[in-house]
Amino acid sequence: MEMDTLLWTLLGTVTLLLSIILLHNKRTNFSLSSSSSSSSSSSKCSGKLPLGTLGWPFLGETLEFICCAYSDRPESFMDKRRKMYGKVFKSHIFGTPTIVSTDAEVSRVVLHDTNTFVPFYPKSVTELMGKSSILLINGSLQRRVHGLIGAFIKSPLLKAQITRDMVKYVQESMDKWRDDQPTYIQDETKNIAFQVLVKALISLDPGEELEHLKEQFHEFISGLMSLPVKVPGSQLYRSLEAKKKMVKMLQKIIQSKRNFGMPTIPRDVIDALLQDTSGQLTNDLIADNMIDMMIPGEESVPVLMTLAIKYLSDCPAALRQMTEENMKLKKLKVLSGEPLSWNDFLSLLPFTQSVITETLRMGNIITGVMRKPTKDIEIKGHLIPKGWCFLAYFRSIHLDENHYDCPYKFNPWRWQAKDTSSHTFTPFGGGQRLCPGLDLARLEASIFLHCFVTQFRWEAQEDTIVHFPTVRMKRRMPIWVKRTEEKC
């Protein structure tokens, strides 16, 4: 292990352990005692608490979990326990007793049961997101917000607009690439994805205002994995201050739209939410959720595009086939004189979609989701006690050899005969909280890859994937490019 990696590992470990000891031991002791009495007195559940261990007092098994998370096989923590206890087991991580599921069927039941299982996140996340975040709200309000956003994203007008914007921003970025210096794919994709998403959310074009928003957003998102200590000078405090500035900026935009009247056809997500007549979608709620929805533009979508380039660089056969497919589409569009459309990218590039799907399976940008049951519940004979954390760990399912042959091998051809709607493939979550922007993420990745492989050849420098606290490339994926074709 290199020295800087070791230092970061130790720093992350010490920080998290201090967080657990100082901030969680009282809550943990209460949770353990109340959960035990609840499960023992329950007359409705005949299932047994899954096998496993709660580890050390206060610390649980967090130390081993973090050590594994920093390795190239973060799922080894789960795999070890799965062999000893089964696909569903109990543990104690990040200050709370937890039921961990690497069972696709159990996870599917939990993700679809939104009445019993509510969102659960670390304290720093809930502090930053706020009670009105779409990640935290439940019931009819969550369904209303989720439905309005989903319907807008699927509208033909937005599909055409977003496709044009994505092609424009991708091409503007690629026009600046030079062959005499490395291009850092992770940085480039973050810049592109944030611009595209902000345009779709609030109709903000590149410029000084966008740069200010991006600067505040970077400060905000730095607090998502910070100590839950809200004092001046702490990361959480700085992140909350950055959010206040963003909320103020967004509220001006929202109020301006209310004052000057709404367009008949929504032009962005704010317009779509303002069409609601229930009175529940306040300016504060809309502003908070716009900020939350910017996170994929900083994290998941850029990482998806970056990892796709990483895997294609290591698999010449897949790169060759995908390039041929995209060059064929490009030539077809040149002959017809028609611009590329949403349908072109998602329907006429089947192998490209297989590359994206395989990248999602192997990359596991979202490793899992956490829920908390509001009552004792039994699933497949397993008791999940009220108040415990439930962790649906997608990575173990996506890399399970019982579901995928040679799971650690990048093989996009497997998806030519495999159903992507299977409950063993959940890169965007599932159930009522299935990410409404999943097609948007695929579209953006498709456009980026199309423009990339039809305009450039490249040589990737050595780089490795880091899995904790978020998935990213250690050296930001440097490549040397050589332009071969005209603009896409």
Protein backbone atom coordinates (compact mmCIF):
# COMPACT_ATOMS: atom_id res chain seq x y z
CA MET A 1 0.00 0.00 0.00
CA GLU A 2 1.39 3.46 -0.94
CA MET A 3 2.05 5.93 1.88
CA ASP A 4 -0.64 8.46 0.88
CA THR A 5 -3.23 5.69 0.67
CA LEU A 6 -2.19 4.43 4.10
CA LEU A 7 -2.45 7.91 5.61
CA TRP A 8 -5.90 8.45 4.14
CA THR A 9 -6.99 5.06 5.41
CA LEU A 10 -5.79 5.84 8.93
CA LEU A 11 -7.32 9.31 8.85
CA GLY A 12 -10.65 8.01 7.62
CA THR A 13 -10.64 5.22 10.19
CA VAL A 14 -9.78 7.46 13.13
CA THR A 15 -12.36 10.06 12.07
CA LEU A 16 -15.15 7.55 11.76
CA LEU A 17 -14.27 5.77 14.98
CA LEU A 18 -14.21 9.05 16.90
CA SER A 19 -17.58 9.87 15.38
CA ILE A 20 -19.01 6.59 16.59
CA ILE A 21 -17.51 6.74 20.11
CA LEU A 22 -18.32 10.38 20.83
CA LEU A 23 -21.63 10.80 19.05
CA HIS A 24 -23.32 7.44 18.79
CA ASN A 25 -22.71 5.29 21.85
CA LYS A 26 -25.74 6.53 23.79
CA ARG A 27 -28.03 6.15 20.79
CA THR A 28 -26.53 2.75 20.01
CA ASN A 29 -27.04 1.38 23.51
CA PHE A 30 -30.63 2.57 23.51
CA SER A 31 -31.23 1.14 20.05
CA LEU A 32 -29.81 -2.23 20.99
CA SER A 33 -31.80 -2.57 24.18
CA SER A 34 -35.07 -1.32 22.72
CA SER A 35 -34.70 -3.48 19.62
CA SER A 36 -34.00 -6.58 21.65
CA SER A 37 -37.03 -6.12 23.87
CA SER A 38 -39.17 -5.32 20.85
CA SER A 39 -38.14 -8.42 18.94
CA SER A 40 -38.45 -10.72 21.93
CA SER A 41 -41.94 -9.52 22.76
CA SER A 42 -43.25 -9.48 19.19
CA SER A 43 -46.11 -11.87 18.65
CA LYS A 44 -46.48 -11.12 14.96
CA CYS A 45 -43.02 -12.19 13.80
CA SER A 46 -42.00 -15.82 14.09
CA GLY A 47 -38.73 -15.33 12.18
CA LYS A 48 -35.32 -15.33 13.84
CA LEU A 49 -32.78 -12.56 14.00
CA PRO A 50 -30.19 -13.33 11.29
CA LEU A 51 -26.90 -14.86 12.36
CA GLY A 52 -23.90 -12.60 12.73
CA THR A 53 -22.04 -10.59 15.32
CA LEU A 54 -22.33 -7.05 16.63
CA GLY A 55 -18.56 -6.87 17.11
CA TRP A 56 -16.80 -4.66 19.64
CA PRO A 57 -18.70 -2.47 22.13
CA PHE A 58 -19.50 0.92 20.58
CA LEU A 59 -17.29 0.27 17.53
CA GLY A 60 -19.09 -2.79 16.24
CA GLU A 61 -17.47 -4.06 13.04
CA THR A 62 -16.88 -0.62 11.54
CA LEU A 63 -13.08 -0.91 11.58
CA GLU A 64 -13.03 -4.06 9.44
CA PHE A 65 -15.75 -2.65 7.19
CA ILE A 66 -13.65 0.46 6.48
CA CYS A 67 -10.45 -1.54 5.91
CA CYS A 68 -12.26 -3.66 3.32
CA ALA A 69 -13.88 -0.60 1.76
CA TYR A 70 -10.46 0.91 1.03
CA SER A 71 -9.28 -2.27 -0.71
CA ASP A 72 -9.82 -3.31 -4.33
CA ARG A 73 -12.45 -5.79 -3.10
CA PRO A 74 -14.72 -3.79 -0.75
CA GLU A 75 -17.32 -6.55 -0.89
CA SER A 76 -14.89 -8.88 0.94
CA PHE A 77 -16.43 -7.73 4.25
CA MET A 78 -19.80 -9.00 3.05
CA ASP A 79 -18.43 -12.11 1.34
CA LYS A 80 -16.69 -13.31 4.50
CA ARG A 81 -19.88 -13.04 6.55
CA ARG A 82 -22.07 -14.42 3.83
CA LYS A 83 -20.02 -17.62 3.88
CA MET A 84 -20.32 -17.88 7.69
CA TYR A 85 -23.90 -16.68 8.26
CA GLY A 86 -25.75 -16.67 4.93
CA LYS A 87 -26.83 -13.95 2.49
CA VAL A 88 -28.62 -11.99 5.23
CA PHE A 89 -26.72 -11.34 8.46
CA LYS A 90 -26.55 -8.94 11.38
CA SER A 91 -23.68 -6.57 12.05
CA HIS A 92 -22.97 -3.24 13.70
CA ILE A 93 -21.49 -0.54 11.46
CA PHE A 94 -21.34 3.25 11.61
CA GLY A 95 -22.82 3.38 15.07
CA THR A 96 -25.97 1.35 14.59
CA PRO A 97 -27.04 -2.32 14.63
CA THR A 98 -27.61 -3.35 11.04
CA ILE A 99 -29.19 -6.13 9.03
CA VAL A 100 -27.12 -6.54 5.87
CA SER A 101 -28.71 -8.13 2.81
CA THR A 102 -26.80 -9.58 -0.12
CA ASP A 103 -29.96 -11.48 -1.08
CA ALA A 104 -31.64 -9.99 -4.17
CA GLU A 105 -35.13 -11.17 -3.19
CA VAL A 106 -34.97 -9.81 0.36
CA SER A 107 -33.61 -6.48 -0.88
CA ARG A 108 -36.36 -6.25 -3.51
CA VAL A 109 -39.08 -6.74 -0.89
CA VAL A 110 -37.59 -4.01 1.31
CA LEU A 111 -37.18 -1.53 -1.55
CA HIS A 112 -40.80 -1.99 -2.60
CA ASP A 113 -42.28 -1.80 0.92
CA THR A 114 -42.24 1.96 1.42
CA ASN A 115 -44.87 1.77 4.17
CA THR A 116 -42.68 -0.28 6.51
CA PHE A 117 -39.20 0.84 5.45
CA VAL A 118 -38.28 4.53 5.51
CA PRO A 119 -35.03 6.15 4.32
CA PHE A 120 -32.10 6.08 6.72
CA TYR A 121 -28.89 8.09 6.32
CA PRO A 122 -25.95 9.14 8.48
CA LYS A 123 -26.56 12.22 10.61
CA SER A 124 -24.32 14.48 8.48
CA VAL A 125 -26.39 13.62 5.39
CA THR A 126 -29.75 14.29 7.07
CA GLU A 127 -28.43 17.58 8.46
CA LEU A 128 -27.39 18.74 5.00
CA MET A 129 -30.36 17.45 3.04
CA GLY A 130 -33.04 18.74 5.38
CA LYS A 131 -36.41 17.20 6.24
CA SER A 132 -37.99 18.17 2.91
CA SER A 133 -35.43 16.35 0.74
CA ILE A 134 -36.83 13.83 -1.74
CA LEU A 135 -34.28 11.42 -0.24
CA LEU A 136 -35.93 11.67 3.18
CA ILE A 137 -39.62 12.49 2.68
CA ASN A 138 -42.07 9.61 2.54
CA GLY A 139 -45.69 8.91 1.63
CA SER A 140 -47.88 11.01 -0.66
CA LEU A 141 -45.54 14.01 -0.76
CA GLN A 142 -42.64 11.85 -1.93
CA ARG A 143 -44.84 10.24 -4.58
CA ARG A 144 -46.02 13.64 -5.80
CA VAL A 145 -42.51 15.11 -6.13
CA HIS A 146 -41.12 11.90 -7.65
CA GLY A 147 -44.04 11.69 -10.11
CA LEU A 148 -43.79 15.31 -11.29
CA ILE A 149 -40.06 15.03 -11.88
CA GLY A 150 -40.37 11.65 -13.62
CA ALA A 151 -43.16 12.86 -15.92
CA PHE A 152 -41.19 15.96 -16.89
CA ILE A 153 -38.03 14.02 -17.69
CA LYS A 154 -40.04 11.74 -19.99
CA SER A 155 -41.66 14.63 -21.88
CA PRO A 156 -40.77 14.84 -25.61
CA LEU A 157 -39.87 18.53 -25.33
CA LEU A 158 -37.35 17.95 -22.57
CA LYS A 159 -35.89 14.91 -24.31
CA ALA A 160 -35.15 17.03 -27.39
CA GLN A 161 -33.81 19.94 -25.31
CA ILE A 162 -31.59 17.81 -23.11
CA THR A 163 -30.18 15.91 -26.09
CA ARG A 164 -29.25 19.20 -27.79
CA ASP A 165 -27.72 20.59 -24.59
CA MET A 166 -25.73 17.44 -23.89
CA VAL A 167 -24.28 17.27 -27.40
CA LYS A 168 -23.42 20.99 -27.18
CA TYR A 169 -21.70 20.82 -23.78
CA VAL A 170 -19.87 17.59 -24.57
CA GLN A 171 -18.57 19.01 -27.84
CA GLU A 172 -17.54 22.34 -26.27
CA SER A 173 -15.53 20.42 -23.70
CA MET A 174 -13.90 18.13 -26.25
CA ASP A 175 -12.98 21.07 -28.50
CA LYS A 176 -10.56 22.19 -25.76
CA TRP A 177 -8.74 18.85 -25.52
CA ARG A 178 -5.15 18.85 -26.74
CA ASP A 179 -2.86 16.04 -27.83
CA ASP A 180 0.26 17.51 -26.16
CA GLN A 181 -1.02 17.19 -22.59
CA PRO A 182 -3.09 14.65 -20.65
CA THR A 183 -6.85 14.98 -20.45
CA TYR A 184 -8.36 14.07 -17.08
CA ILE A 185 -11.60 12.30 -17.91
CA GLN A 186 -13.02 12.46 -14.39
CA ASP A 187 -12.65 16.26 -14.29
CA GLU A 188 -14.05 16.70 -17.80
CA THR A 189 -17.11 14.54 -17.17
CA LYS A 190 -17.87 16.33 -13.90
CA ASN A 191 -17.83 19.68 -15.65
CA ILE A 192 -20.06 18.42 -18.48
CA ALA A 193 -22.55 16.58 -16.27
CA PHE A 194 -23.00 19.49 -13.86
CA GLN A 195 -23.69 21.94 -16.69
CA VAL A 196 -26.24 19.64 -18.29
CA LEU A 197 -28.06 18.86 -15.07
CA VAL A 198 -28.25 22.47 -13.86
CA LYS A 199 -29.64 23.50 -17.26
CA ALA A 200 -32.36 20.82 -16.99
CA LEU A 201 -33.16 21.69 -13.35
CA ILE A 202 -33.17 25.50 -13.35
CA SER A 203 -32.40 26.62 -16.94
CA LEU A 204 -29.07 28.15 -15.92
CA ASP A 205 -26.54 28.48 -18.75
CA PRO A 206 -22.74 28.49 -18.34
CA GLY A 207 -21.43 31.78 -16.97
CA GLU A 208 -20.48 33.60 -13.79
CA GLU A 209 -23.67 32.61 -11.96
CA LEU A 210 -23.16 28.93 -12.76
CA GLU A 211 -19.54 29.08 -11.60
CA HIS A 212 -20.63 30.62 -8.30
CA LEU A 213 -23.27 27.89 -7.88
CA LYS A 214 -20.70 25.19 -8.66
CA GLU A 215 -18.26 26.61 -6.11
CA GLN A 216 -20.89 26.59 -3.36
CA PHE A 217 -22.10 23.15 -4.39
CA HIS A 218 -18.60 21.67 -4.08
CA GLU A 219 -18.39 23.03 -0.53
CA PHE A 220 -21.85 21.65 0.20
CA ILE A 221 -21.18 18.13 -1.05
CA SER A 222 -17.90 17.90 0.90
CA GLY A 223 -19.97 17.65 4.08
CA LEU A 224 -21.96 14.58 3.10
CA MET A 225 -19.33 12.23 4.54
CA SER A 226 -18.15 14.49 7.36
CA LEU A 227 -18.32 14.26 11.13
CA PRO A 228 -21.80 15.27 12.36
CA VAL A 229 -20.32 18.20 14.32
CA LYS A 230 -22.00 21.52 13.57
CA VAL A 231 -19.63 24.14 15.01
CA PRO A 232 -17.94 27.07 13.22
CA GLY A 233 -14.92 25.83 11.30
CA SER A 234 -16.16 22.25 10.90
CA GLN A 235 -16.83 20.82 7.43
CA LEU A 236 -20.50 20.29 8.23
CA TYR A 237 -20.84 23.93 9.31
CA ARG A 238 -19.14 25.17 6.11
CA SER A 239 -21.33 22.90 4.00
CA LEU A 240 -24.50 24.16 5.68
CA GLU A 241 -23.41 27.75 5.06
CA ALA A 242 -22.80 26.93 1.40
CA LYS A 243 -26.26 25.41 1.16
CA LYS A 244 -27.84 28.57 2.60
CA LYS A 245 -26.22 30.60 -0.19
CA MET A 246 -27.48 28.18 -2.84
CA VAL A 247 -30.99 28.14 -1.38
CA LYS A 248 -31.07 31.94 -1.43
CA MET A 249 -30.01 31.96 -5.08
CA LEU A 250 -32.56 29.32 -6.06
CA GLN A 251 -35.40 30.98 -4.15
CA LYS A 252 -34.89 34.13 -6.24
CA ILE A 253 -35.24 32.05 -9.40
CA ILE A 254 -38.34 30.26 -8.08
CA GLN A 255 -40.05 33.44 -6.89
CA SER A 256 -39.32 35.15 -10.19
CA LYS A 257 -41.06 32.30 -12.01
CA ARG A 258 -44.06 32.59 -9.69
CA ASN A 259 -44.27 36.37 -10.17
CA PHE A 260 -44.05 36.40 -13.95
CA GLY A 261 -46.32 33.42 -14.60
CA MET A 262 -45.64 29.88 -15.64
CA PRO A 263 -45.13 28.72 -19.24
CA THR A 264 -47.75 26.36 -20.65
CA ILE A 265 -45.07 23.75 -21.25
CA PRO A 266 -42.42 23.33 -18.49
CA ARG A 267 -38.91 24.26 -19.57
CA ASP A 268 -37.12 22.87 -16.52
CA VAL A 269 -37.78 20.84 -13.38
CA ILE A 270 -38.66 23.95 -11.35
CA ASP A 271 -41.42 24.73 -13.87
CA ALA A 272 -42.72 21.17 -13.53
CA LEU A 273 -42.87 21.37 -9.72
CA LEU A 274 -44.49 24.81 -9.78
CA GLN A 275 -47.40 23.35 -11.74
CA ASP A 276 -48.47 21.45 -8.63
CA THR A 277 -51.62 22.94 -7.07
CA SER A 278 -51.56 21.12 -3.72
CA GLY A 279 -49.82 23.97 -1.91
CA GLN A 280 -47.31 21.55 -0.35
CA LEU A 281 -44.45 22.39 -2.69
CA THR A 282 -43.11 25.53 -1.06
CA ASN A 283 -40.19 27.59 -2.37
CA ASP A 284 -37.99 26.11 0.37
CA LEU A 285 -38.94 22.54 -0.53
CA ILE A 286 -38.33 23.10 -4.25
CA ALA A 287 -34.99 24.83 -3.63
CA ASP A 288 -33.80 22.06 -1.30
CA ASN A 289 -34.68 19.38 -3.82
CA MET A 290 -32.99 21.18 -6.71
CA ILE A 291 -29.77 21.10 -4.69
CA ASP A 292 -30.21 17.40 -3.86
CA MET A 293 -30.79 16.60 -7.53
CA MET A 294 -27.51 18.24 -8.50
CA ILE A 295 -25.61 15.46 -6.72
CA PRO A 296 -25.73 13.03 -9.69
CA GLY A 297 -24.06 15.74 -11.79
CA GLU A 298 -21.12 15.74 -9.39
CA GLU A 299 -20.94 12.07 -8.46
CA SER A 300 -22.81 9.22 -10.13
CA VAL A 301 -23.10 10.31 -13.79
CA PRO A 302 -19.48 11.52 -14.18
CA VAL A 303 -18.20 8.35 -12.50
CA LEU A 304 -20.32 6.23 -14.86
CA MET A 305 -18.76 7.92 -17.90
CA THR A 306 -15.25 7.77 -16.44
CA LEU A 307 -15.46 4.08 -15.54
CA ALA A 308 -16.81 3.28 -19.01
CA ILE A 309 -13.64 4.78 -20.50
CA LYS A 310 -11.54 2.84 -17.97
CA TYR A 311 -13.16 -0.49 -18.85
CA LEU A 312 -13.10 0.18 -22.62
CA SER A 313 -9.40 1.07 -22.41
CA ASP A 314 -8.77 -2.35 -20.88
CA CYS A 315 -10.98 -4.22 -23.39
CA PRO A 316 -9.97 -3.53 -27.02
CA ALA A 317 -12.61 -5.90 -28.45
CA ALA A 318 -15.45 -4.02 -26.76
CA LEU A 319 -13.99 -0.67 -27.78
CA ARG A 320 -13.68 -1.81 -31.40
CA GLN A 321 -17.26 -3.05 -31.60
CA MET A 322 -18.67 0.04 -29.90
CA THR A 323 -16.68 2.36 -32.17
CA GLU A 324 -17.98 0.59 -35.27
CA GLU A 325 -21.56 0.88 -34.02
CA ASN A 326 -21.23 4.59 -33.29
CA MET A 327 -19.43 5.40 -36.54
CA LYS A 328 -22.26 3.71 -38.42
CA LEU A 329 -24.83 5.90 -36.67
CA LYS A 330 -22.75 9.04 -37.23
CA LYS A 331 -22.45 8.38 -40.97
CA LEU A 332 -26.18 7.64 -41.18
CA LYS A 333 -27.00 10.99 -39.59
CA VAL A 334 -24.58 12.84 -41.87
CA LEU A 335 -26.28 11.36 -44.92
CA SER A 336 -29.78 12.15 -43.67
CA GLY A 337 -28.86 15.63 -42.45
CA GLU A 338 -30.83 15.03 -39.22
CA PRO A 339 -29.55 15.80 -35.72
CA LEU A 340 -29.04 13.02 -33.22
CA SER A 341 -32.10 12.36 -31.07
CA TRP A 342 -32.84 10.81 -27.67
CA ASN A 343 -34.16 7.69 -29.40
CA ASP A 344 -31.00 7.37 -31.53
CA PHE A 345 -28.81 7.05 -28.47
CA LEU A 346 -31.02 4.78 -26.38
CA SER A 347 -32.46 2.57 -29.13
CA LEU A 348 -30.05 2.51 -32.09
CA LEU A 349 -26.87 1.85 -30.11
CA PRO A 350 -27.59 -1.52 -28.47
CA PHE A 351 -23.97 -2.50 -27.85
CA THR A 352 -23.21 0.92 -26.38
CA GLN A 353 -26.11 0.37 -23.97
CA SER A 354 -24.61 -3.02 -23.08
CA VAL A 355 -21.29 -1.29 -22.30
CA ILE A 356 -23.09 1.18 -20.03
CA THR A 357 -25.03 -1.61 -18.31
CA GLU A 358 -21.90 -3.65 -17.70
CA THR A 359 -20.14 -0.54 -16.36
CA LEU A 360 -23.00 -0.03 -13.91
CA ARG A 361 -22.81 -3.67 -12.81
CA MET A 362 -19.05 -3.74 -12.28
CA GLY A 363 -18.56 -0.17 -11.11
CA ASN A 364 -21.35 -0.16 -8.52
CA ILE A 365 -21.41 3.62 -8.30
CA ILE A 366 -24.23 3.22 -5.77
CA THR A 367 -23.02 0.33 -3.61
CA GLY A 368 -26.26 0.04 -1.66
CA VAL A 369 -29.08 1.83 0.11
CA MET A 370 -30.09 2.07 3.76
CA ARG A 371 -33.59 1.82 5.20
CA LYS A 372 -35.06 1.64 8.70
CA PRO A 373 -38.17 -0.45 9.52
CA THR A 374 -40.95 1.26 11.46
CA LYS A 375 -41.97 -2.06 13.01
CA ASP A 376 -40.64 -5.59 13.47
CA ILE A 377 -41.00 -7.42 10.18
CA GLU A 378 -40.17 -10.88 8.85
CA ILE A 379 -38.86 -11.50 5.32
CA LYS A 380 -37.94 -15.02 4.16
CA GLY A 381 -37.73 -16.16 7.77
CA HIS A 382 -35.45 -13.30 8.80
CA LEU A 383 -36.54 -10.95 11.56
CA ILE A 384 -35.67 -7.31 10.87
CA PRO A 385 -36.20 -5.45 14.17
CA LYS A 386 -37.83 -2.05 14.40
CA GLY A 387 -35.28 0.75 14.57
CA TRP A 388 -32.35 -1.22 13.16
CA CYS A 389 -30.65 -0.11 9.97
CA PHE A 390 -31.25 -2.31 6.91
CA LEU A 391 -28.48 -2.20 4.30
CA ALA A 392 -29.30 -3.56 0.85
CA TYR A 393 -25.79 -4.12 -0.50
CA PHE A 394 -26.04 -4.11 -4.30
CA ARG A 395 -22.34 -4.68 -4.99
CA SER A 396 -22.35 -8.22 -3.59
CA ILE A 397 -25.37 -9.09 -5.75
CA HIS A 398 -23.87 -7.61 -8.93
CA LEU A 399 -20.62 -9.51 -8.37
CA ASP A 400 -22.22 -12.81 -7.34
CA GLU A 401 -21.07 -15.69 -9.54
CA ASN A 402 -24.48 -17.33 -9.04
CA HIS A 403 -26.01 -14.44 -10.98
CA TYR A 404 -23.19 -13.55 -13.41
CA ASP A 405 -20.55 -15.80 -14.98
CA CYS A 406 -17.02 -14.54 -14.29
CA PRO A 407 -18.45 -11.53 -12.43
CA TYR A 408 -15.14 -9.64 -12.21
CA LYS A 409 -14.63 -9.72 -15.97
CA PHE A 410 -15.87 -6.77 -18.06
CA ASN A 411 -18.17 -8.51 -20.52
CA PRO A 412 -20.79 -6.26 -22.17
CA TRP A 413 -21.79 -9.12 -24.48
CA ARG A 414 -23.49 -10.84 -21.52
CA TRP A 415 -26.29 -8.26 -21.73
CA GLN A 416 -27.21 -9.20 -25.29
CA ALA A 417 -29.00 -12.20 -23.83
CA LYS A 418 -29.72 -11.01 -20.27
CA ASP A 419 -32.69 -9.08 -18.89
CA THR A 420 -31.69 -5.71 -17.42
CA SER A 421 -34.97 -5.54 -15.50
CA SER A 422 -34.00 -8.54 -13.34
CA HIS A 423 -34.11 -7.98 -9.58
CA THR A 424 -30.44 -9.04 -9.50
CA PHE A 425 -29.53 -5.81 -11.34
CA THR A 426 -30.33 -2.69 -9.31
CA PRO A 427 -27.79 0.06 -10.11
CA PHE A 428 -30.42 2.79 -9.65
CA GLY A 429 -32.17 1.33 -6.60
CA GLY A 430 -35.71 0.02 -6.91
CA GLY A 431 -39.34 0.29 -5.96
CA GLN A 432 -41.07 3.63 -5.54
CA ARG A 433 -37.73 5.36 -4.98
CA LEU A 434 -36.21 4.12 -8.23
CA CYS A 435 -34.10 7.00 -9.53
CA PRO A 436 -36.35 9.07 -11.88
CA GLY A 437 -33.30 10.16 -13.85
CA LEU A 438 -32.03 6.72 -14.86
CA ASP A 439 -32.76 7.24 -18.58
CA LEU A 440 -31.17 10.68 -18.31
CA ALA A 441 -27.98 9.13 -16.92
CA ARG A 442 -27.90 6.56 -19.72
CA LEU A 443 -28.50 9.27 -22.33
CA GLU A 444 -25.70 11.47 -21.06
CA ALA A 445 -23.28 8.55 -20.93
CA SER A 446 -24.35 7.49 -24.44
CA ILE A 447 -23.76 10.96 -25.89
CA PHE A 448 -20.38 11.31 -24.21
CA LEU A 449 -19.21 7.90 -25.40
CA HIS A 450 -20.57 8.51 -28.92
CA CYS A 451 -18.70 11.80 -29.31
CA PHE A 452 -15.59 10.35 -27.70
CA VAL A 453 -15.12 7.16 -29.71
CA THR A 454 -16.09 8.77 -33.04
CA GLN A 455 -13.60 11.65 -32.66
CA PHE A 456 -10.61 10.29 -30.77
CA ARG A 457 -8.14 7.51 -30.31
CA TRP A 458 -6.50 7.51 -26.91
CA GLU A 459 -3.96 5.92 -24.63
CA ALA A 460 -4.95 5.61 -21.00
CA GLN A 461 -2.37 6.04 -18.25
CA GLU A 462 -2.28 3.67 -15.30
CA ASP A 463 -5.01 4.40 -12.77
CA THR A 464 -6.98 2.54 -10.12
CA ILE A 465 -10.55 2.66 -8.84
CA VAL A 466 -11.10 3.90 -5.29
CA HIS A 467 -14.29 2.61 -3.64
CA PHE A 468 -14.53 4.59 -0.39
CA PRO A 469 -16.09 6.88 0.71
CA THR A 470 -17.32 7.27 -2.88
CA VAL A 471 -16.37 5.51 -6.13
CA ARG A 472 -13.81 7.47 -8.15
CA MET A 473 -10.50 7.16 -10.00
CA LYS A 474 -7.43 7.72 -7.85
CA ARG A 475 -5.58 9.81 -10.49
CA ARG A 476 -8.73 11.22 -12.16
CA MET A 477 -8.31 8.95 -15.23
CA PRO A 478 -5.58 10.69 -17.29
CA ILE A 479 -5.47 9.86 -21.01
CA TRP A 480 -3.57 11.09 -24.07
CA VAL A 481 -5.89 11.78 -26.99
CA LYS A 482 -5.43 12.03 -30.75
CA ARG A 483 -8.24 13.53 -32.80
CA THR A 484 -9.34 11.37 -35.75
CA GLU A 485 -12.72 12.76 -36.87
CA GLU A 486 -14.75 15.95 -37.07
CA LYS A 487 -17.27 17.01 -34.44
CA CYS A 488 -20.13 14.68 -33.54
